[in-house]
Every structure is written in C-alpha cells, then in structure tokens.
Amino acid sequence: MSSLTANEFNANQEKKTGQIIKQVPEGYLITEGNYNLNSVILNLVSKLFYSFFSLALFSQFLGVLERSPLSEQFLNRLFVIFLGICLIISIYNLTKYFYTVIDQILVSLSFAPPELIFTNYPLSLGEEVSILFRRRLRSGKIIRTAGIVNANLACIEDVLYYRNDKDDNLTFASEKVIDRHLPEVLVPAYESAIEVLFNFKIPVDASATFEAKNNQINWILDIFLDFPKLLKEGSKFYLQVQPQIFLAK
C-alpha cells in the first residue's frame, strides 16, 4: 500500500467529488463541484413517480378490503393504518426534498460555486495556513443582509477490516482523528461577495492524506453559511495534506 501523489490525489478528488483544483495568479484555487441540475431533476422525477405509484397501490388495496368479508377484522385495519403512516412519511420526505431542490436551484442561480484560494498547495503537516473562502454573486448583485460563516477542519480515518480470522465480511470504521472548529466570522451587508480569511495551523503530529485499498485518511474543510432569508447551506472541500517538508539550510 502506498499513498497517492498530489496530482493523483487531485485527479481522484475531482472524479469523486467534482471539485476542481487549478493554479491562478492568487495561488491555488479549489472550486466545489458544480450543482448537477440534471441528476437532481431526474432524482426528483423518480421520487414523484414512486410516490404516485404508492398512492395508487394504496387506493387499490383499500378497494379490495372494502369488497372483502374480512375487512372488519382488526389485523386488516391495523395493516391499513400502517400503510397509511408509511405513505404520509413518504409524502413528507418528498415535500422536504422538493423544497431543498428548489432552494438549491435558486441559490445556484444567484451565486457562483464556492471557492477556496491557497498561497501554497498541497498543504503540509505543521504548516501555518491562510485560506480565503469566496462565494461570489452573479450579475453584479450585492448581499443586503449580514451573515455568519463557520468552518470546521477535520481529519477522518476510514478503515475496512476483518474483526477476526474467522470473519469473512469486512467491517467499516470511521474516526475523526482531528475535529477543530474555526472562529466564527461575521460578514457585513452590502458586499458583492462573501469573502472570509481563515488562519490555522495543521498539527505536526497528525497523519497526512492517504488512500489505499482498505484504508484512507481525508482532510476535510466544511464551510457553513448562514445569511437570513438569503442563503443557508454548507460546502465541503477535500484537502491534500502531505508529510512535513524540511527545507535545507
């Protein structure tokens, strides 16, 4: 097992997460994966079809019970109640998902994808890091309400392993080796973009980014935006953190 190089890691993350990594005049830019509208709409249509199909099936089942001499029995009524509850839960989840999709579409029409800008990349263990988070508005609009930006840096180790020699099934385990909440930042109103600078140090005794067949270590930066009546969502960025580099004097 061997760790990935920076280029291999970047290509792998672009494939898995859709985030794009490129060099720009300011340094290195990571863009969160664009919102895939086609797949979301397709998923929404499939959920609608499933809900209508369940409703039609439930109606047919009620009709059968009404014509059945056993319709007065307790177990049949209990079964109908159970199906009704499942249908209500399904419709509730569909409504919630539909609302989320509409909100994401409206946000993607008003805002460009979230971005991170680094001076140096990949990062290194023990390094003092300055990261600029940026979320621009489209068409020269401005943010008319103040908001709060929170960030959380985590190092997560995922492992697949056998519990014992006789076990043929792999067991999955995940552990947050590092879970650090960064200071909250207030963004004033009447800005043309959400821009926040985060400063932190990557622990020198932590583990570098690593990926193998049954083991991987990921560094993840989660950004949470809370702007009342405008924007309330999170962004996830996968970071490449390499072992500490010692420069020759």
Protein backbone atom coordinates (compact mmCIF):
# COMPACT_ATOMS: atom_id res chain seq x y z
CA MET A 1 0.00 0.00 0.00
CA SER A 2 1.28 3.45 -0.89
CA SER A 3 -0.02 7.00 -0.55
CA LEU A 4 -1.11 8.99 -3.58
CA THR A 5 0.94 11.79 -5.09
CA ALA A 6 -0.53 15.29 -5.11
CA ASN A 7 -1.50 15.05 -8.80
CA GLU A 8 -3.06 11.61 -8.34
CA PHE A 9 -4.95 12.82 -5.29
CA ASN A 10 -6.26 15.92 -7.11
CA ALA A 11 -7.41 13.85 -10.09
CA ASN A 12 -9.04 11.33 -7.78
CA GLN A 13 -10.89 14.00 -5.80
CA GLU A 14 -12.07 15.73 -8.98
CA LYS A 15 -13.52 12.41 -10.10
CA LYS A 16 -15.15 11.58 -6.75
CA THR A 17 -16.33 15.00 -5.56
CA GLY A 18 -16.46 17.17 -8.67
CA GLN A 19 -14.23 19.81 -7.06
CA ILE A 20 -11.76 21.45 -9.45
CA ILE A 21 -8.17 22.32 -8.49
CA LYS A 22 -6.13 24.74 -10.61
CA GLN A 23 -3.36 27.32 -10.37
CA VAL A 24 -4.38 31.00 -10.60
CA PRO A 25 -2.49 34.32 -10.16
CA GLU A 26 -3.51 34.44 -6.45
CA GLY A 27 -2.12 30.94 -5.84
CA TYR A 28 -4.15 27.74 -5.99
CA LEU A 29 -7.91 27.63 -6.42
CA ILE A 30 -10.28 24.84 -5.38
CA THR A 31 -13.85 25.11 -6.65
CA GLU A 32 -16.56 22.97 -5.15
CA GLY A 33 -18.32 20.71 -7.65
CA ASN A 34 -20.99 22.50 -9.67
CA TYR A 35 -24.59 21.75 -8.86
CA ASN A 36 -25.69 18.95 -11.21
CA LEU A 37 -29.20 20.10 -12.06
CA ASN A 38 -29.97 17.24 -14.47
CA SER A 39 -29.28 14.48 -11.93
CA VAL A 40 -31.26 16.30 -9.23
CA ILE A 41 -34.30 16.73 -11.51
CA LEU A 42 -34.08 13.09 -12.57
CA ASN A 43 -33.96 12.01 -8.93
CA LEU A 44 -36.92 14.26 -8.11
CA VAL A 45 -38.98 12.81 -11.01
CA SER A 46 -38.23 9.26 -9.83
CA LYS A 47 -39.33 10.15 -6.29
CA LEU A 48 -42.58 11.69 -7.63
CA PHE A 49 -43.27 8.59 -9.70
CA TYR A 50 -42.63 6.36 -6.68
CA SER A 51 -44.99 8.44 -4.50
CA PHE A 52 -47.82 8.44 -7.06
CA PHE A 53 -47.35 4.69 -7.60
CA SER A 54 -47.55 4.09 -3.83
CA LEU A 55 -50.68 6.24 -3.59
CA ALA A 56 -52.37 4.33 -6.44
CA LEU A 57 -51.41 0.98 -4.91
CA PHE A 58 -52.76 2.08 -1.53
CA SER A 59 -56.07 3.15 -3.12
CA GLN A 60 -56.40 -0.20 -4.90
CA PHE A 61 -55.70 -2.04 -1.66
CA LEU A 62 -58.47 -0.09 0.13
CA GLY A 63 -60.88 -1.05 -2.62
CA VAL A 64 -60.02 -4.72 -2.21
CA LEU A 65 -60.56 -4.53 1.56
CA GLU A 66 -63.95 -2.88 1.15
CA ARG A 67 -65.10 -5.82 -1.01
CA SER A 68 -63.58 -8.40 1.31
CA PRO A 69 -65.62 -10.12 4.05
CA LEU A 70 -62.52 -9.83 6.26
CA SER A 71 -62.39 -6.02 6.10
CA GLU A 72 -63.78 -5.70 9.62
CA GLN A 73 -61.04 -7.72 11.19
CA PHE A 74 -58.58 -5.95 13.45
CA LEU A 75 -55.40 -7.08 11.68
CA ASN A 76 -56.62 -5.78 8.32
CA ARG A 77 -57.44 -2.38 9.79
CA LEU A 78 -54.10 -2.29 11.56
CA PHE A 79 -52.34 -3.07 8.29
CA VAL A 80 -54.21 -0.23 6.54
CA ILE A 81 -53.14 2.18 9.29
CA PHE A 82 -49.54 1.06 8.91
CA LEU A 83 -49.63 1.59 5.13
CA GLY A 84 -51.23 4.99 5.63
CA ILE A 85 -48.47 6.09 8.02
CA CYS A 86 -45.79 4.90 5.57
CA LEU A 87 -47.48 6.85 2.78
CA ILE A 88 -47.67 10.03 4.87
CA ILE A 89 -43.97 9.73 5.78
CA SER A 90 -43.10 9.20 2.11
CA ILE A 91 -45.06 12.29 1.03
CA TYR A 92 -43.47 14.35 3.83
CA ASN A 93 -39.95 13.33 2.80
CA LEU A 94 -40.76 14.08 -0.85
CA THR A 95 -42.06 17.56 0.06
CA LYS A 96 -38.93 18.24 2.11
CA TYR A 97 -36.68 17.06 -0.72
CA PHE A 98 -38.61 19.14 -3.27
CA TYR A 99 -38.19 22.26 -1.11
CA THR A 100 -34.44 21.57 -0.79
CA VAL A 101 -34.05 21.15 -4.55
CA ILE A 102 -35.88 24.41 -5.30
CA ASP A 103 -33.76 26.24 -2.72
CA GLN A 104 -30.52 24.84 -4.21
CA ILE A 105 -31.58 25.85 -7.72
CA LEU A 106 -32.36 29.41 -6.61
CA VAL A 107 -29.02 29.64 -4.78
CA SER A 108 -27.09 28.33 -7.81
CA LEU A 109 -28.80 30.96 -9.99
CA SER A 110 -27.78 33.78 -7.62
CA PHE A 111 -24.32 32.61 -6.51
CA ALA A 112 -21.23 31.26 -8.25
CA PRO A 113 -19.80 27.97 -6.87
CA PRO A 114 -17.88 28.20 -3.55
CA GLU A 115 -14.09 28.65 -3.85
CA LEU A 116 -11.01 28.24 -1.69
CA ILE A 117 -7.77 30.09 -2.51
CA PHE A 118 -4.40 28.94 -1.10
CA THR A 119 -1.00 30.58 -1.34
CA ASN A 120 0.67 27.15 -1.42
CA TYR A 121 -0.78 23.78 -2.24
CA PRO A 122 -0.72 20.95 -1.29
CA LEU A 123 -0.57 21.73 2.41
CA SER A 124 1.94 20.20 4.84
CA LEU A 125 1.80 18.92 8.40
CA GLY A 126 2.91 21.63 10.85
CA GLU A 127 2.18 24.41 8.32
CA GLU A 128 0.57 27.74 9.18
CA VAL A 129 -2.25 28.00 6.66
CA SER A 130 -4.20 31.00 5.35
CA ILE A 131 -7.24 30.10 3.27
CA LEU A 132 -9.57 32.56 1.57
CA PHE A 133 -13.13 31.32 1.17
CA ARG A 134 -15.10 33.11 -1.53
CA ARG A 135 -18.69 32.89 -2.78
CA ARG A 136 -19.45 35.46 -5.46
CA LEU A 137 -22.85 36.72 -6.51
CA ARG A 138 -23.78 36.61 -10.17
CA SER A 139 -24.69 39.62 -12.35
CA GLY A 140 -23.18 42.24 -10.04
CA LYS A 141 -25.71 41.78 -7.25
CA ILE A 142 -24.98 42.64 -3.61
CA ILE A 143 -25.71 40.90 -0.33
CA ARG A 144 -28.25 43.03 1.53
CA THR A 145 -28.15 41.15 4.83
CA ALA A 146 -25.30 40.42 7.22
CA GLY A 147 -24.46 36.80 7.84
CA ILE A 148 -22.27 34.38 9.72
CA VAL A 149 -19.66 31.99 8.33
CA ASN A 150 -18.47 28.99 10.33
CA ALA A 151 -15.79 26.47 9.39
CA ASN A 152 -14.70 23.11 10.71
CA LEU A 153 -11.44 21.30 9.92
CA ALA A 154 -11.44 17.53 10.32
CA CYS A 155 -9.03 14.69 9.70
CA ILE A 156 -11.03 11.50 9.21
CA GLU A 157 -9.66 7.98 9.01
CA ASP A 158 -11.80 5.30 7.31
CA VAL A 159 -10.82 1.65 7.64
CA LEU A 160 -12.13 -1.65 6.30
CA TYR A 161 -11.02 -4.62 8.40
CA TYR A 162 -11.86 -8.17 9.49
CA ARG A 163 -12.96 -8.48 13.10
CA ASN A 164 -11.22 -11.83 13.49
CA ASP A 165 -9.61 -14.61 11.47
CA LYS A 166 -12.90 -16.45 11.05
CA ASP A 167 -14.85 -13.43 9.81
CA ASP A 168 -15.26 -13.27 6.01
CA ASN A 169 -17.06 -9.92 5.99
CA LEU A 170 -15.25 -6.60 6.07
CA THR A 171 -16.26 -4.15 8.79
CA PHE A 172 -16.23 -0.40 8.18
CA ALA A 173 -14.99 2.01 10.86
CA SER A 174 -14.61 5.78 10.71
CA GLU A 175 -12.93 8.03 13.26
CA LYS A 176 -12.41 11.78 13.44
CA VAL A 177 -8.76 11.99 14.42
CA ILE A 178 -8.94 15.79 14.43
CA ASP A 179 -12.12 17.87 14.72
CA ARG A 180 -11.37 21.57 15.05
CA HIS A 181 -13.96 24.33 14.91
CA LEU A 182 -12.51 27.56 13.49
CA PRO A 183 -13.53 31.00 14.83
CA GLU A 184 -16.89 32.29 13.63
CA VAL A 185 -16.77 35.23 11.19
CA LEU A 186 -19.42 37.93 10.71
CA VAL A 187 -19.80 39.16 7.11
CA PRO A 188 -21.35 42.65 6.82
CA ALA A 189 -24.21 43.50 4.49
CA TYR A 190 -23.94 45.26 1.11
CA GLU A 191 -21.00 43.24 -0.16
CA SER A 192 -20.64 41.90 -3.70
CA ALA A 193 -19.22 38.58 -2.46
CA ILE A 194 -18.86 36.50 0.68
CA GLU A 195 -15.12 36.54 1.46
CA VAL A 196 -13.64 35.15 4.65
CA LEU A 197 -9.98 34.51 5.54
CA PHE A 198 -9.30 31.53 7.81
CA ASN A 199 -5.96 31.10 9.57
CA PHE A 200 -4.99 27.89 11.34
CA LYS A 201 -2.09 25.51 11.88
CA ILE A 202 -2.13 21.89 10.79
CA PRO A 203 -0.83 19.78 13.71
CA VAL A 204 2.65 18.46 13.05
CA ASP A 205 1.89 15.14 14.77
CA ALA A 206 -1.22 14.41 12.67
CA SER A 207 -1.47 11.99 9.73
CA ALA A 208 -1.01 13.06 6.12
CA THR A 209 -3.58 12.41 3.42
CA PHE A 210 -3.52 8.77 2.47
CA GLU A 211 -5.55 6.39 0.34
CA ALA A 212 -5.17 2.64 -0.09
CA LYS A 213 -7.45 -0.31 -0.74
CA ASN A 214 -8.85 -0.69 2.77
CA ASN A 215 -7.68 2.48 4.45
CA GLN A 216 -7.84 6.19 3.77
CA ILE A 217 -7.20 9.43 5.63
CA ASN A 218 -9.02 12.53 4.43
CA TRP A 219 -8.64 16.14 5.47
CA ILE A 220 -11.98 17.93 5.07
CA LEU A 221 -12.84 21.61 5.48
CA ASP A 222 -16.56 22.24 5.97
CA ILE A 223 -17.85 25.79 5.48
CA PHE A 224 -21.28 26.77 6.79
CA LEU A 225 -23.05 29.95 5.57
CA ASP A 226 -25.95 31.47 7.49
CA PHE A 227 -27.43 34.57 5.85
CA PRO A 228 -31.06 35.12 6.98
CA LYS A 229 -33.64 34.98 4.16
CA LEU A 230 -30.87 34.65 1.57
CA LEU A 231 -28.55 31.70 1.98
CA LYS A 232 -28.19 28.86 4.44
CA GLU A 233 -26.04 25.99 3.26
CA GLY A 234 -22.73 24.19 3.64
CA SER A 235 -19.77 23.41 1.40
CA LYS A 236 -17.30 20.54 1.71
CA PHE A 237 -13.70 20.66 0.46
CA TYR A 238 -11.21 17.79 0.43
CA LEU A 239 -7.66 18.99 1.13
CA GLN A 240 -4.35 17.38 0.25
CA VAL A 241 -2.06 17.39 3.30
CA GLN A 242 1.41 15.94 2.78
CA PRO A 243 4.05 14.97 5.36
CA GLN A 244 6.15 17.75 6.86
CA ILE A 245 8.74 19.09 4.46
CA PHE A 246 12.14 20.13 5.87
CA LEU A 247 13.98 22.69 3.77
CA ALA A 248 17.77 22.50 3.64
CA LYS A 249 19.52 25.48 5.20
